[in-house]
């Protein structure tokens, strides 16, 4: 929970969790930031997709891409490169089921 942290502290923690692959924690922080008036943008979604890539969770990455579209956010080159990274990570992990 964000508690009394300001927006900047919340964003820093959000990005740290994305980089570590903590998708659940990152989504929780982003939700709290959104409730406090900080809007999600392409960079936010790229961070979430990066968290998916770290864990090889292609399905979640694809759902986030669809969510971006529903919010009217246009994916950028970082978005697509990160999706490719997620697919590559999943392909290298024998414990991850492939999405068909």
C-alpha atoms as a PDB file:
ATOM      1  CA  UNK A   1       0.000   0.000   0.000  1.00  0.00           C
ATOM      2  CA  UNK A   2       1.204   3.464  -0.787  1.00  0.00           C
ATOM      3  CA  UNK A   3       0.081   5.039   2.473  1.00  0.00           C
ATOM      4  CA  UNK A   4       1.237   8.653   2.777  1.00  0.00           C
ATOM      5  CA  UNK A   5       3.828   8.578   0.014  1.00  0.00           C
ATOM      6  CA  UNK A   6       3.640  11.356  -2.528  1.00  0.00           C
ATOM      7  CA  UNK A   7       3.251  10.756  -6.266  1.00  0.00           C
ATOM      8  CA  UNK A   8       6.992  10.858  -6.952  1.00  0.00           C
ATOM      9  CA  UNK A   9       7.747   8.253  -4.308  1.00  0.00           C
ATOM     10  CA  UNK A  10       4.935   6.080  -5.620  1.00  0.00           C
ATOM     11  CA  UNK A  11       6.251   6.344  -9.179  1.00  0.00           C
ATOM     12  CA  UNK A  12       9.761   5.446  -8.040  1.00  0.00           C
ATOM     13  CA  UNK A  13       8.468   2.373  -6.232  1.00  0.00           C
ATOM     14  CA  UNK A  14       6.291   1.490  -9.237  1.00  0.00           C
ATOM     15  CA  UNK A  15       9.275   1.529 -11.585  1.00  0.00           C
ATOM     16  CA  UNK A  16      11.441  -0.413  -9.112  1.00  0.00           C
ATOM     17  CA  UNK A  17       8.807  -3.140  -8.889  1.00  0.00           C
ATOM     18  CA  UNK A  18       8.494  -3.266 -12.674  1.00  0.00           C
ATOM     19  CA  UNK A  19      12.258  -3.669 -13.061  1.00  0.00           C
ATOM     20  CA  UNK A  20      12.292  -6.476 -10.488  1.00  0.00           C
ATOM     21  CA  UNK A  21       9.454  -8.311 -12.245  1.00  0.00           C
ATOM     22  CA  UNK A  22       6.915  -7.748  -9.428  1.00  0.00           C
ATOM     23  CA  UNK A  23       3.852  -7.348 -11.651  1.00  0.00           C
ATOM     24  CA  UNK A  24       1.328  -7.689  -8.829  1.00  0.00           C
ATOM     25  CA  UNK A  25       3.050  -5.049  -6.682  1.00  0.00           C
ATOM     26  CA  UNK A  26       3.514  -2.694  -9.623  1.00  0.00           C
ATOM     27  CA  UNK A  27      -0.143  -2.971 -10.622  1.00  0.00           C
ATOM     28  CA  UNK A  28      -1.241  -2.291  -7.048  1.00  0.00           C
ATOM     29  CA  UNK A  29       0.896   0.840  -6.832  1.00  0.00           C
ATOM     30  CA  UNK A  30      -0.287   2.056 -10.241  1.00  0.00           C
ATOM     31  CA  UNK A  31      -3.894   1.522  -9.184  1.00  0.00           C
ATOM     32  CA  UNK A  32      -3.288   3.595  -6.033  1.00  0.00           C
ATOM     33  CA  UNK A  33      -1.562   6.310  -8.049  1.00  0.00           C
ATOM     34  CA  UNK A  34      -4.517   6.389 -10.467  1.00  0.00           C
ATOM     35  CA  UNK A  35      -6.892   6.779  -7.526  1.00  0.00           C
ATOM     36  CA  UNK A  36      -4.769   9.717  -6.352  1.00  0.00           C
ATOM     37  CA  UNK A  37      -4.998  11.476  -9.719  1.00  0.00           C
ATOM     38  CA  UNK A  38      -1.800  10.228 -11.409  1.00  0.00           C
ATOM     39  CA  UNK A  39      -2.856   8.992 -14.855  1.00  0.00           C
ATOM     40  CA  UNK A  40      -1.440   5.890 -16.509  1.00  0.00           C
ATOM     41  CA  UNK A  41       0.489   6.547 -19.711  1.00  0.00           C
ATOM     42  CA  UNK A  42       2.439   4.549 -22.278  1.00  0.00           C
ATOM     43  CA  UNK A  43       5.514   4.603 -20.048  1.00  0.00           C
ATOM     44  CA  UNK A  44       3.501   3.120 -17.166  1.00  0.00           C
ATOM     45  CA  UNK A  45       2.241   0.304 -19.364  1.00  0.00           C
ATOM     46  CA  UNK A  46       5.722  -0.280 -20.757  1.00  0.00           C
ATOM     47  CA  UNK A  47       6.874  -0.761 -17.171  1.00  0.00           C
ATOM     48  CA  UNK A  48       4.134  -3.288 -16.491  1.00  0.00           C
ATOM     49  CA  UNK A  49       4.909  -5.137 -19.724  1.00  0.00           C
ATOM     50  CA  UNK A  50       8.575  -5.139 -18.688  1.00  0.00           C
ATOM     51  CA  UNK A  51       7.564  -6.836 -15.412  1.00  0.00           C
ATOM     52  CA  UNK A  52       5.791  -9.478 -17.503  1.00  0.00           C
ATOM     53  CA  UNK A  53       8.898  -9.894 -19.659  1.00  0.00           C
ATOM     54  CA  UNK A  54      11.059 -10.491 -16.588  1.00  0.00           C
ATOM     55  CA  UNK A  55       8.841 -13.406 -15.577  1.00  0.00           C
ATOM     56  CA  UNK A  56       8.102 -14.678 -19.094  1.00  0.00           C
ATOM     57  CA  UNK A  57       4.370 -13.953 -18.673  1.00  0.00           C
ATOM     58  CA  UNK A  58       3.393 -13.412 -22.298  1.00  0.00           C
ATOM     59  CA  UNK A  59      -0.340 -13.720 -21.643  1.00  0.00           C
ATOM     60  CA  UNK A  60      -0.312 -10.875 -19.120  1.00  0.00           C
ATOM     61  CA  UNK A  61       1.810  -8.768 -21.482  1.00  0.00           C
ATOM     62  CA  UNK A  62      -0.715  -9.289 -24.282  1.00  0.00           C
ATOM     63  CA  UNK A  63      -3.618  -8.389 -21.973  1.00  0.00           C
ATOM     64  CA  UNK A  64      -1.827  -5.178 -20.991  1.00  0.00           C
ATOM     65  CA  UNK A  65      -1.367  -4.298 -24.659  1.00  0.00           C
ATOM     66  CA  UNK A  66      -5.113  -4.751 -25.189  1.00  0.00           C
ATOM     67  CA  UNK A  67      -5.837  -2.666 -22.086  1.00  0.00           C
ATOM     68  CA  UNK A  68      -3.654   0.115 -23.485  1.00  0.00           C
ATOM     69  CA  UNK A  69      -5.771   0.180 -26.624  1.00  0.00           C
ATOM     70  CA  UNK A  70      -8.985   0.352 -24.626  1.00  0.00           C
ATOM     71  CA  UNK A  71      -7.583   3.365 -22.757  1.00  0.00           C
ATOM     72  CA  UNK A  72      -6.666   5.068 -26.035  1.00  0.00           C
ATOM     73  CA  UNK A  73      -2.914   4.738 -25.434  1.00  0.00           C
ATOM     74  CA  UNK A  74      -0.790   4.161 -28.543  1.00  0.00           C
ATOM     75  CA  UNK A  75       1.998   1.568 -28.076  1.00  0.00           C
ATOM     76  CA  UNK A  76       5.470   2.774 -29.018  1.00  0.00           C
ATOM     77  CA  UNK A  77       8.685   1.071 -30.081  1.00  0.00           C
ATOM     78  CA  UNK A  78       9.546   0.373 -26.428  1.00  0.00           C
ATOM     79  CA  UNK A  79       6.207  -1.384 -25.990  1.00  0.00           C
ATOM     80  CA  UNK A  80       6.813  -3.693 -28.932  1.00  0.00           C
ATOM     81  CA  UNK A  81      10.450  -4.372 -28.047  1.00  0.00           C
ATOM     82  CA  UNK A  82       9.406  -5.279 -24.509  1.00  0.00           C
ATOM     83  CA  UNK A  83       6.706  -7.617 -25.848  1.00  0.00           C
ATOM     84  CA  UNK A  84       9.340  -9.318 -27.993  1.00  0.00           C
ATOM     85  CA  UNK A  85      11.531  -9.643 -24.897  1.00  0.00           C
ATOM     86  CA  UNK A  86       8.615 -11.255 -23.006  1.00  0.00           C
ATOM     87  CA  UNK A  87       8.128 -13.789 -25.803  1.00  0.00           C
ATOM     88  CA  UNK A  88      11.844 -14.565 -25.917  1.00  0.00           C
ATOM     89  CA  UNK A  89      12.002 -14.987 -22.134  1.00  0.00           C
ATOM     90  CA  UNK A  90       9.017 -17.339 -22.185  1.00  0.00           C
ATOM     91  CA  UNK A  91      10.556 -19.399 -24.987  1.00  0.00           C
ATOM     92  CA  UNK A  92      13.740 -19.873 -22.959  1.00  0.00           C
ATOM     93  CA  UNK A  93      11.895 -21.015 -19.796  1.00  0.00           C
ATOM     94  CA  UNK A  94      10.843 -24.665 -19.740  1.00  0.00           C
ATOM     95  CA  UNK A  95       8.463 -23.975 -16.819  1.00  0.00           C
ATOM     96  CA  UNK A  96       6.354 -21.432 -18.749  1.00  0.00           C
ATOM     97  CA  UNK A  97       3.446 -22.594 -20.876  1.00  0.00           C
ATOM     98  CA  UNK A  98       3.311 -21.190 -24.371  1.00  0.00           C
ATOM     99  CA  UNK A  99       0.310 -19.040 -25.312  1.00  0.00           C
ATOM    100  CA  UNK A 100      -1.472 -20.202 -28.427  1.00  0.00           C
END
